[in-house]
N, C-alpha and C. Protein backbone atom coordinates (compact mmCIF):
# COMPACT_ATOMS: atom_id res chain seq x y z
N MET A 1 31.95 53.71 129.74
CA MET A 1 32.95 54.66 129.29
C MET A 1 33.96 54.85 130.42
N ASN A 2 35.20 54.52 130.16
CA ASN A 2 36.25 54.66 131.16
C ASN A 2 37.07 55.90 130.86
N LEU A 3 37.11 56.82 131.79
CA LEU A 3 37.93 58.03 131.68
C LEU A 3 38.95 58.02 132.82
N GLU A 4 40.01 58.81 132.64
CA GLU A 4 41.08 58.86 133.62
C GLU A 4 41.51 60.31 133.80
N VAL A 5 41.78 60.67 135.04
CA VAL A 5 42.24 62.02 135.34
C VAL A 5 43.27 61.94 136.46
N THR A 6 44.25 62.85 136.41
CA THR A 6 45.27 62.92 137.44
C THR A 6 45.23 64.31 138.05
N GLY A 7 45.21 64.39 139.37
CA GLY A 7 45.17 65.68 140.03
C GLY A 7 45.48 65.56 141.51
N LYS A 8 45.52 66.72 142.16
CA LYS A 8 45.81 66.76 143.60
C LYS A 8 44.50 66.60 144.37
N LEU A 9 44.51 65.67 145.33
CA LEU A 9 43.35 65.46 146.19
C LEU A 9 43.21 66.67 147.11
N LEU A 10 42.17 67.43 146.89
CA LEU A 10 41.98 68.68 147.61
C LEU A 10 41.13 68.50 148.86
N VAL A 11 40.00 67.77 148.72
CA VAL A 11 39.06 67.60 149.84
C VAL A 11 38.50 66.18 149.80
N LYS A 12 38.40 65.55 150.98
CA LYS A 12 37.70 64.28 151.15
C LYS A 12 36.52 64.54 152.07
N TYR A 13 35.33 64.22 151.61
CA TYR A 13 34.14 64.37 152.44
C TYR A 13 33.81 63.05 153.12
N ASP A 14 33.04 63.13 154.19
CA ASP A 14 32.56 61.93 154.87
C ASP A 14 31.53 61.24 153.99
N GLY A 15 31.38 59.94 154.19
CA GLY A 15 30.37 59.18 153.47
C GLY A 15 28.97 59.59 153.90
N VAL A 16 28.02 59.44 152.98
CA VAL A 16 26.62 59.79 153.26
C VAL A 16 25.75 58.60 152.90
N GLN A 17 24.91 58.17 153.84
CA GLN A 17 23.94 57.11 153.58
C GLN A 17 22.70 57.79 153.02
N VAL A 18 22.56 57.79 151.69
CA VAL A 18 21.47 58.51 151.02
C VAL A 18 20.14 57.82 151.27
N SER A 19 20.12 56.51 151.19
CA SER A 19 18.92 55.73 151.48
C SER A 19 19.37 54.42 152.10
N GLU A 20 18.41 53.57 152.41
CA GLU A 20 18.74 52.28 153.03
C GLU A 20 19.66 51.45 152.13
N LYS A 21 19.53 51.62 150.81
CA LYS A 21 20.28 50.80 149.87
C LYS A 21 21.38 51.55 149.13
N PHE A 22 21.57 52.83 149.41
CA PHE A 22 22.55 53.60 148.63
C PHE A 22 23.38 54.52 149.52
N LYS A 23 24.72 54.41 149.36
CA LYS A 23 25.61 55.33 150.06
C LYS A 23 26.63 55.87 149.07
N LYS A 24 27.14 57.06 149.37
CA LYS A 24 28.13 57.69 148.50
C LYS A 24 29.12 58.49 149.34
N ARG A 25 30.27 58.78 148.71
CA ARG A 25 31.29 59.60 149.34
C ARG A 25 31.92 60.45 148.25
N GLU A 26 31.98 61.75 148.47
CA GLU A 26 32.51 62.66 147.47
C GLU A 26 33.91 63.13 147.83
N PHE A 27 34.66 63.51 146.79
CA PHE A 27 35.98 64.10 146.97
C PHE A 27 36.24 65.05 145.81
N VAL A 28 37.19 65.97 146.03
CA VAL A 28 37.49 66.99 145.03
C VAL A 28 38.94 66.89 144.60
N LEU A 29 39.16 66.95 143.28
CA LEU A 29 40.51 66.99 142.72
C LEU A 29 40.76 68.37 142.15
N GLU A 30 41.98 68.86 142.36
CA GLU A 30 42.44 70.09 141.71
C GLU A 30 43.20 69.65 140.46
N LEU A 31 42.74 70.13 139.31
CA LEU A 31 43.32 69.75 138.03
C LEU A 31 43.98 70.97 137.40
N SER A 32 45.24 70.86 137.06
CA SER A 32 45.96 71.96 136.41
C SER A 32 46.40 71.51 135.04
N GLU A 33 46.25 72.41 134.07
CA GLU A 33 46.61 72.09 132.70
C GLU A 33 47.27 73.31 132.08
N GLU A 34 48.39 73.09 131.40
CA GLU A 34 49.08 74.19 130.74
C GLU A 34 48.66 74.21 129.27
N ILE A 35 48.18 75.37 128.83
CA ILE A 35 47.78 75.56 127.43
C ILE A 35 48.43 76.85 126.95
N ASN A 36 49.27 76.73 125.94
CA ASN A 36 49.96 77.89 125.35
C ASN A 36 50.67 78.73 126.40
N GLY A 37 51.32 78.09 127.34
CA GLY A 37 52.10 78.79 128.35
C GLY A 37 51.30 79.30 129.53
N ASN A 38 49.97 79.17 129.50
CA ASN A 38 49.13 79.59 130.61
C ASN A 38 48.65 78.37 131.38
N VAL A 39 48.66 78.43 132.71
CA VAL A 39 48.20 77.33 133.53
C VAL A 39 46.76 77.61 133.95
N TYR A 40 45.89 76.66 133.65
CA TYR A 40 44.48 76.76 134.01
C TYR A 40 44.19 75.72 135.07
N THR A 41 43.50 76.14 136.14
CA THR A 41 43.17 75.25 137.24
C THR A 41 41.66 75.05 137.27
N ASN A 42 41.26 73.79 137.37
CA ASN A 42 39.86 73.42 137.50
C ASN A 42 39.70 72.54 138.72
N PHE A 43 38.49 72.43 139.18
CA PHE A 43 38.18 71.61 140.34
C PHE A 43 37.07 70.65 139.94
N ALA A 44 37.29 69.36 140.16
CA ALA A 44 36.31 68.34 139.80
C ALA A 44 35.88 67.59 141.05
N LYS A 45 34.56 67.57 141.28
CA LYS A 45 34.03 66.78 142.39
C LYS A 45 33.59 65.43 141.83
N LEU A 46 34.16 64.37 142.36
CA LEU A 46 33.83 63.01 141.95
C LEU A 46 33.18 62.31 143.13
N GLN A 47 32.56 61.17 142.85
CA GLN A 47 31.94 60.42 143.93
C GLN A 47 32.30 58.96 143.85
N LEU A 48 32.32 58.34 145.01
CA LEU A 48 32.46 56.90 145.15
C LEU A 48 31.12 56.40 145.66
N VAL A 49 30.67 55.24 145.18
CA VAL A 49 29.37 54.72 145.62
C VAL A 49 29.51 53.30 146.13
N GLN A 50 28.57 52.97 147.01
CA GLN A 50 28.44 51.64 147.58
C GLN A 50 29.75 51.12 148.17
N ASN A 51 30.22 49.96 147.72
CA ASN A 51 31.40 49.34 148.32
C ASN A 51 32.70 50.03 147.91
N LYS A 52 32.67 51.03 147.05
CA LYS A 52 33.87 51.77 146.64
C LYS A 52 34.16 52.97 147.56
N CYS A 53 33.27 53.27 148.49
CA CYS A 53 33.40 54.47 149.34
C CYS A 53 34.70 54.51 150.14
N ASP A 54 35.26 53.36 150.46
CA ASP A 54 36.47 53.31 151.27
C ASP A 54 37.75 53.46 150.46
N LEU A 55 37.68 53.49 149.14
CA LEU A 55 38.88 53.58 148.32
C LEU A 55 39.72 54.82 148.63
N ILE A 56 39.09 55.89 149.04
CA ILE A 56 39.78 57.16 149.26
C ILE A 56 40.50 57.20 150.62
N ASP A 57 40.20 56.26 151.51
CA ASP A 57 40.74 56.28 152.87
C ASP A 57 42.27 56.26 152.93
N ARG A 58 42.91 55.56 152.01
CA ARG A 58 44.37 55.42 152.09
C ARG A 58 45.13 56.63 151.52
N PHE A 59 44.41 57.64 151.06
CA PHE A 59 45.05 58.84 150.50
C PHE A 59 44.80 60.03 151.40
N ASN A 60 45.76 60.95 151.40
CA ASN A 60 45.66 62.16 152.21
C ASN A 60 45.41 63.36 151.31
N GLU A 61 44.76 64.36 151.86
CA GLU A 61 44.58 65.60 151.11
C GLU A 61 45.97 66.14 150.78
N GLY A 62 46.15 66.55 149.53
CA GLY A 62 47.46 67.00 149.05
C GLY A 62 48.17 65.97 148.20
N ASP A 63 47.77 64.69 148.30
CA ASP A 63 48.37 63.64 147.48
C ASP A 63 47.96 63.83 146.02
N VAL A 64 48.86 63.49 145.10
CA VAL A 64 48.53 63.48 143.68
C VAL A 64 48.09 62.06 143.34
N VAL A 65 46.89 61.95 142.79
CA VAL A 65 46.30 60.64 142.52
C VAL A 65 45.81 60.55 141.07
N LYS A 66 45.75 59.32 140.60
CA LYS A 66 45.16 59.02 139.29
C LYS A 66 43.84 58.32 139.56
N VAL A 67 42.76 58.82 138.95
CA VAL A 67 41.42 58.31 139.20
C VAL A 67 40.81 57.82 137.89
N ASN A 68 40.31 56.60 137.89
CA ASN A 68 39.51 56.09 136.79
C ASN A 68 38.05 56.29 137.17
N PHE A 69 37.24 56.78 136.22
CA PHE A 69 35.86 57.07 136.53
C PHE A 69 34.97 56.92 135.30
N ASN A 70 33.68 56.86 135.54
CA ASN A 70 32.66 56.82 134.49
C ASN A 70 31.77 58.03 134.66
N ILE A 71 31.20 58.49 133.56
CA ILE A 71 30.21 59.57 133.62
C ILE A 71 28.84 58.91 133.67
N LYS A 72 28.07 59.28 134.67
CA LYS A 72 26.70 58.77 134.81
C LYS A 72 25.76 59.97 134.80
N GLY A 73 24.63 59.83 134.19
CA GLY A 73 23.68 60.93 134.13
C GLY A 73 22.25 60.45 134.29
N ASN A 74 21.40 61.38 134.67
CA ASN A 74 19.99 61.07 134.86
C ASN A 74 19.18 62.34 134.61
N SER A 75 17.90 62.15 134.33
CA SER A 75 17.01 63.30 134.16
C SER A 75 15.78 63.11 135.04
N TYR A 76 15.15 64.22 135.37
CA TYR A 76 13.91 64.18 136.14
C TYR A 76 13.11 65.42 135.80
N VAL A 77 11.80 65.37 136.07
CA VAL A 77 10.93 66.51 135.84
C VAL A 77 10.74 67.23 137.17
N ASP A 78 11.08 68.51 137.19
CA ASP A 78 10.93 69.34 138.38
C ASP A 78 9.44 69.56 138.64
N LYS A 79 8.98 69.14 139.81
CA LYS A 79 7.56 69.24 140.14
C LYS A 79 7.08 70.69 140.28
N ARG A 80 8.00 71.61 140.57
CA ARG A 80 7.61 73.01 140.76
C ARG A 80 7.23 73.69 139.46
N ASP A 81 8.03 73.46 138.40
CA ASP A 81 7.74 74.17 137.15
C ASP A 81 7.60 73.28 135.93
N GLY A 82 7.69 71.96 136.12
CA GLY A 82 7.47 71.03 135.02
C GLY A 82 8.60 70.91 134.01
N THR A 83 9.75 71.55 134.29
CA THR A 83 10.87 71.47 133.35
C THR A 83 11.71 70.23 133.63
N THR A 84 12.36 69.75 132.59
CA THR A 84 13.25 68.61 132.73
C THR A 84 14.62 69.10 133.20
N LYS A 85 15.12 68.48 134.23
CA LYS A 85 16.43 68.80 134.79
C LYS A 85 17.35 67.60 134.59
N TYR A 86 18.66 67.88 134.57
CA TYR A 86 19.64 66.83 134.34
C TYR A 86 20.69 66.83 135.45
N ILE A 87 21.12 65.64 135.81
CA ILE A 87 22.15 65.47 136.83
C ILE A 87 23.28 64.67 136.20
N THR A 88 24.52 65.10 136.40
CA THR A 88 25.68 64.36 135.92
C THR A 88 26.58 64.04 137.11
N ASN A 89 26.99 62.79 137.21
CA ASN A 89 27.89 62.36 138.26
C ASN A 89 29.15 61.76 137.65
N LEU A 90 30.27 62.01 138.29
CA LEU A 90 31.54 61.41 137.92
C LEU A 90 31.80 60.30 138.94
N ASP A 91 31.53 59.06 138.55
CA ASP A 91 31.62 57.92 139.47
C ASP A 91 33.00 57.28 139.40
N ALA A 92 33.80 57.52 140.43
CA ALA A 92 35.14 56.94 140.50
C ALA A 92 35.04 55.47 140.87
N TRP A 93 35.91 54.66 140.28
CA TRP A 93 35.92 53.24 140.61
C TRP A 93 37.33 52.71 140.87
N ARG A 94 38.35 53.51 140.60
CA ARG A 94 39.73 53.13 140.95
C ARG A 94 40.50 54.41 141.28
N ILE A 95 41.30 54.35 142.34
CA ILE A 95 42.16 55.47 142.72
C ILE A 95 43.54 54.91 143.00
N GLU A 96 44.56 55.53 142.38
CA GLU A 96 45.93 55.09 142.57
C GLU A 96 46.80 56.29 142.91
N ASN A 97 47.83 56.05 143.71
CA ASN A 97 48.82 57.08 143.97
C ASN A 97 49.54 57.36 142.66
N PHE A 98 49.68 58.62 142.28
CA PHE A 98 50.28 58.95 140.98
C PHE A 98 51.72 58.48 140.89
N VAL A 99 52.47 58.47 141.97
CA VAL A 99 53.86 58.02 141.95
C VAL A 99 53.91 56.57 141.50
N GLU A 100 52.99 55.74 142.01
CA GLU A 100 52.94 54.32 141.63
C GLU A 100 52.49 54.17 140.19
N ALA A 101 51.62 55.05 139.73
CA ALA A 101 51.03 54.91 138.40
C ALA A 101 51.82 55.63 137.32
N ALA A 102 52.87 56.37 137.70
CA ALA A 102 53.63 57.16 136.73
C ALA A 102 54.38 56.25 135.77
N PRO A 103 54.54 56.69 134.51
CA PRO A 103 55.32 55.89 133.56
C PRO A 103 56.78 55.78 134.00
N ALA A 104 57.46 54.76 133.53
CA ALA A 104 58.84 54.49 133.93
C ALA A 104 59.79 55.62 133.56
N ASN A 105 59.49 56.37 132.49
CA ASN A 105 60.39 57.44 132.07
C ASN A 105 60.18 58.74 132.85
N ASN A 106 59.27 58.74 133.83
CA ASN A 106 59.01 59.87 134.73
C ASN A 106 58.56 61.14 134.02
N ASN A 107 58.00 61.04 132.82
CA ASN A 107 57.40 62.21 132.18
C ASN A 107 56.07 62.48 132.85
N PRO A 108 55.77 63.74 133.16
CA PRO A 108 54.49 64.02 133.80
C PRO A 108 53.34 63.76 132.84
N ALA A 109 52.25 63.20 133.38
CA ALA A 109 51.08 62.92 132.56
C ALA A 109 50.19 64.16 132.50
N PRO A 110 49.47 64.37 131.41
CA PRO A 110 48.55 65.49 131.35
C PRO A 110 47.39 65.27 132.32
N ALA A 111 46.67 66.34 132.64
CA ALA A 111 45.58 66.25 133.60
C ALA A 111 44.47 65.33 133.09
N TYR A 112 44.26 65.29 131.80
CA TYR A 112 43.24 64.42 131.23
C TYR A 112 43.91 63.53 130.21
N ASN A 113 43.69 62.23 130.33
CA ASN A 113 44.31 61.26 129.43
C ASN A 113 43.24 60.58 128.61
N PRO A 114 43.03 60.99 127.35
CA PRO A 114 42.05 60.27 126.53
C PRO A 114 42.57 58.89 126.21
N ALA A 115 41.69 58.02 125.75
CA ALA A 115 42.09 56.66 125.40
C ALA A 115 43.16 56.71 124.33
N PRO A 116 44.19 55.86 124.44
CA PRO A 116 45.26 55.88 123.45
C PRO A 116 44.76 55.42 122.09
N ALA A 117 45.37 55.96 121.03
CA ALA A 117 45.01 55.58 119.68
C ALA A 117 45.53 54.18 119.40
N ALA A 118 44.88 53.49 118.51
CA ALA A 118 45.30 52.14 118.15
C ALA A 118 46.65 52.20 117.46
N ALA A 119 47.51 51.27 117.77
CA ALA A 119 48.83 51.21 117.16
C ALA A 119 48.70 50.68 115.74
N PRO A 120 49.54 51.17 114.80
CA PRO A 120 49.48 50.65 113.44
C PRO A 120 49.93 49.20 113.40
N ALA A 121 49.48 48.49 112.39
CA ALA A 121 49.84 47.08 112.24
C ALA A 121 51.34 46.95 112.04
N GLN A 122 51.91 45.84 112.51
CA GLN A 122 53.35 45.64 112.40
C GLN A 122 53.73 45.63 110.93
N GLY A 123 54.76 46.38 110.58
CA GLY A 123 55.23 46.46 109.21
C GLY A 123 54.48 47.46 108.36
N ALA A 124 53.48 48.14 108.92
CA ALA A 124 52.71 49.10 108.14
C ALA A 124 53.54 50.35 107.89
N ASN A 125 53.42 50.94 106.73
CA ASN A 125 54.13 52.16 106.39
C ASN A 125 53.27 53.34 106.85
N THR A 126 53.71 54.02 107.91
CA THR A 126 52.93 55.12 108.46
C THR A 126 53.47 56.47 108.07
N SER A 127 54.56 56.52 107.28
CA SER A 127 55.17 57.81 106.96
C SER A 127 54.59 58.46 105.72
N ALA A 128 54.02 57.72 104.81
CA ALA A 128 53.53 58.30 103.56
C ALA A 128 52.01 58.32 103.55
N PRO A 129 51.42 59.41 103.01
CA PRO A 129 49.96 59.45 102.89
C PRO A 129 49.51 58.49 101.79
N PRO A 130 48.22 58.12 101.75
CA PRO A 130 47.74 57.22 100.72
C PRO A 130 47.89 57.86 99.34
N ALA A 131 47.99 57.02 98.33
CA ALA A 131 48.14 57.51 96.96
C ALA A 131 46.92 58.31 96.54
N ALA A 132 47.12 59.29 95.65
CA ALA A 132 46.04 60.17 95.22
C ALA A 132 44.96 59.42 94.46
N ASP A 133 45.29 58.32 93.82
CA ASP A 133 44.30 57.59 93.03
C ASP A 133 43.53 56.56 93.86
N THR A 134 43.70 56.57 95.18
CA THR A 134 42.98 55.64 96.06
C THR A 134 41.49 55.95 95.98
N ASN A 135 40.68 54.93 95.80
CA ASN A 135 39.23 55.10 95.71
C ASN A 135 38.68 55.30 97.12
N ASP A 136 38.29 56.51 97.42
CA ASP A 136 37.77 56.86 98.74
C ASP A 136 36.36 57.42 98.57
N ASP A 137 35.37 56.74 99.11
CA ASP A 137 34.00 57.19 98.93
C ASP A 137 33.49 58.04 100.09
N LEU A 138 34.38 58.47 100.99
CA LEU A 138 33.97 59.34 102.08
C LEU A 138 33.67 60.74 101.56
N PRO A 139 32.62 61.39 102.07
CA PRO A 139 32.24 62.71 101.55
C PRO A 139 33.12 63.86 102.03
N PHE A 140 34.12 63.60 102.82
CA PHE A 140 34.97 64.69 103.30
C PHE A 140 36.41 64.33 103.20
């Protein structure tokens, strides 16, 4: 699952060698989104793993960046009380300067960019709804 987010690089942490075979590096993005005239700010901590840890080096805190990432999750049983716990990680795999990644028309991108919808087929009539007598077997 490929997701994309654009935000201000707030904090870069040093890399951590978790085990002999695993290293990671975390960073925080400040994400702002305007909804109905109100600006909401969120903070997302993402991580880079293994050979991707150096991707963040060329960016400075305060830079606006576009990050491609995957959601990774795991579960484990807590030995103290026997309950199942869950861990979610946002694994970044590409980081770009937002100025370089901005569209040519210079419109600002939203903080979260879902996957674009499929374009209609060439010559398809997209302005009129389907006819009322169309046989549709969907229950809704």
